[in-house]
Amino acid sequence: MTRTVVKGSFENSLKRFKQQVAKSGTLSEKKKREHFSKPGVLRREAKKNAIINSRKQNRKNRNYD
């Protein structure tokens, strides 16, 4: 599908396209499906990410106290 740029420049259109693709999660879904991961590995990764995110939240909340 081709589209022509009517308003703005090509750079702005490319930026808008990249934002839409990132928002829809297309690329992250593709990367996730490239290789098979065992369920245990997925659980470990999820747990690790949860710990990292909770530490970030604690750091963020500690600065506001």
C-alpha atoms as a PDB file:
ATOM      1  CA  MET A   1       0.000   0.000   0.000  1.00  0.00           C
ATOM      2  CA  THR A   2       1.433   3.346  -0.981  1.00  0.00           C
ATOM      3  CA  ARG A   3       0.483   6.702   0.400  1.00  0.00           C
ATOM      4  CA  THR A   4       1.488  10.145  -0.643  1.00  0.00           C
ATOM      5  CA  VAL A   5       2.552  12.829   1.801  1.00  0.00           C
ATOM      6  CA  VAL A   6       0.123  15.719   1.564  1.00  0.00           C
ATOM      7  CA  LYS A   7       0.800  17.679   4.725  1.00  0.00           C
ATOM      8  CA  GLY A   8       4.260  18.188   6.138  1.00  0.00           C
ATOM      9  CA  SER A   9       7.523  16.676   5.128  1.00  0.00           C
ATOM     10  CA  PHE A  10       8.691  13.139   4.608  1.00  0.00           C
ATOM     11  CA  GLU A  11      10.561  13.187   7.932  1.00  0.00           C
ATOM     12  CA  ASN A  12       7.403  14.031   9.847  1.00  0.00           C
ATOM     13  CA  SER A  13       5.487  11.293   8.047  1.00  0.00           C
ATOM     14  CA  LEU A  14       8.220   8.756   8.815  1.00  0.00           C
ATOM     15  CA  LYS A  15       8.216   9.801  12.468  1.00  0.00           C
ATOM     16  CA  ARG A  16       4.433   9.424  12.624  1.00  0.00           C
ATOM     17  CA  PHE A  17       4.661   5.986  10.985  1.00  0.00           C
ATOM     18  CA  LYS A  18       7.299   4.820  13.466  1.00  0.00           C
ATOM     19  CA  GLN A  19       5.149   5.991  16.370  1.00  0.00           C
ATOM     20  CA  GLN A  20       2.127   4.115  15.029  1.00  0.00           C
ATOM     21  CA  VAL A  21       4.137   0.914  14.562  1.00  0.00           C
ATOM     22  CA  ALA A  22       5.603   1.202  18.071  1.00  0.00           C
ATOM     23  CA  LYS A  23       2.163   1.842  19.551  1.00  0.00           C
ATOM     24  CA  SER A  24       0.632  -1.170  17.821  1.00  0.00           C
ATOM     25  CA  GLY A  25       3.470  -3.418  19.044  1.00  0.00           C
ATOM     26  CA  THR A  26       4.125  -5.015  15.661  1.00  0.00           C
ATOM     27  CA  LEU A  27       7.914  -5.064  15.886  1.00  0.00           C
ATOM     28  CA  SER A  28       8.042  -6.243  19.480  1.00  0.00           C
ATOM     29  CA  GLU A  29       5.639  -9.072  18.614  1.00  0.00           C
ATOM     30  CA  LYS A  30       7.857 -10.073  15.681  1.00  0.00           C
ATOM     31  CA  LYS A  31      10.969 -10.118  17.865  1.00  0.00           C
ATOM     32  CA  LYS A  32       9.178 -12.166  20.498  1.00  0.00           C
ATOM     33  CA  ARG A  33       8.119 -14.790  17.963  1.00  0.00           C
ATOM     34  CA  GLU A  34      11.513 -15.138  16.243  1.00  0.00           C
ATOM     35  CA  HIS A  35      12.697 -17.899  18.587  1.00  0.00           C
ATOM     36  CA  PHE A  36      10.912 -20.357  20.810  1.00  0.00           C
ATOM     37  CA  SER A  37      11.433 -19.834  24.512  1.00  0.00           C
ATOM     38  CA  LYS A  38      10.663 -22.434  27.124  1.00  0.00           C
ATOM     39  CA  PRO A  39       7.873 -21.574  29.580  1.00  0.00           C
ATOM     40  CA  GLY A  40      10.311 -21.612  32.499  1.00  0.00           C
ATOM     41  CA  VAL A  41      12.565 -19.124  30.747  1.00  0.00           C
ATOM     42  CA  LEU A  42       9.586 -16.865  30.080  1.00  0.00           C
ATOM     43  CA  ARG A  43       8.583 -17.009  33.759  1.00  0.00           C
ATOM     44  CA  ARG A  44      12.135 -16.169  34.845  1.00  0.00           C
ATOM     45  CA  GLU A  45      12.296 -13.223  32.458  1.00  0.00           C
ATOM     46  CA  ALA A  46       8.896 -11.940  33.619  1.00  0.00           C
ATOM     47  CA  LYS A  47       9.944 -12.222  37.251  1.00  0.00           C
ATOM     48  CA  LYS A  48      13.232 -10.441  36.559  1.00  0.00           C
ATOM     49  CA  ASN A  49      11.436  -7.624  34.730  1.00  0.00           C
ATOM     50  CA  ALA A  50       8.915  -7.295  37.560  1.00  0.00           C
ATOM     51  CA  ILE A  51      11.730  -6.932  40.095  1.00  0.00           C
ATOM     52  CA  ILE A  52      13.468  -4.307  37.972  1.00  0.00           C
ATOM     53  CA  ASN A  53      10.238  -2.350  37.500  1.00  0.00           C
ATOM     54  CA  SER A  54       9.395  -2.456  41.196  1.00  0.00           C
ATOM     55  CA  ARG A  55      12.873  -1.160  42.048  1.00  0.00           C
ATOM     56  CA  LYS A  56      12.403   1.682  39.576  1.00  0.00           C
ATOM     57  CA  GLN A  57       9.041   2.543  41.125  1.00  0.00           C
ATOM     58  CA  ASN A  58      10.531   2.453  44.630  1.00  0.00           C
ATOM     59  CA  ARG A  59      13.329   4.773  43.557  1.00  0.00           C
ATOM     60  CA  LYS A  60      10.846   7.114  41.904  1.00  0.00           C
ATOM     61  CA  ASN A  61       8.527   7.183  44.922  1.00  0.00           C
ATOM     62  CA  ARG A  62      11.396   7.650  47.358  1.00  0.00           C
ATOM     63  CA  ASN A  63      12.386  10.881  45.594  1.00  0.00           C
ATOM     64  CA  TYR A  64       8.933  12.379  46.140  1.00  0.00           C
ATOM     65  CA  ASP A  65       8.812  11.701  49.883  1.00  0.00           C
END
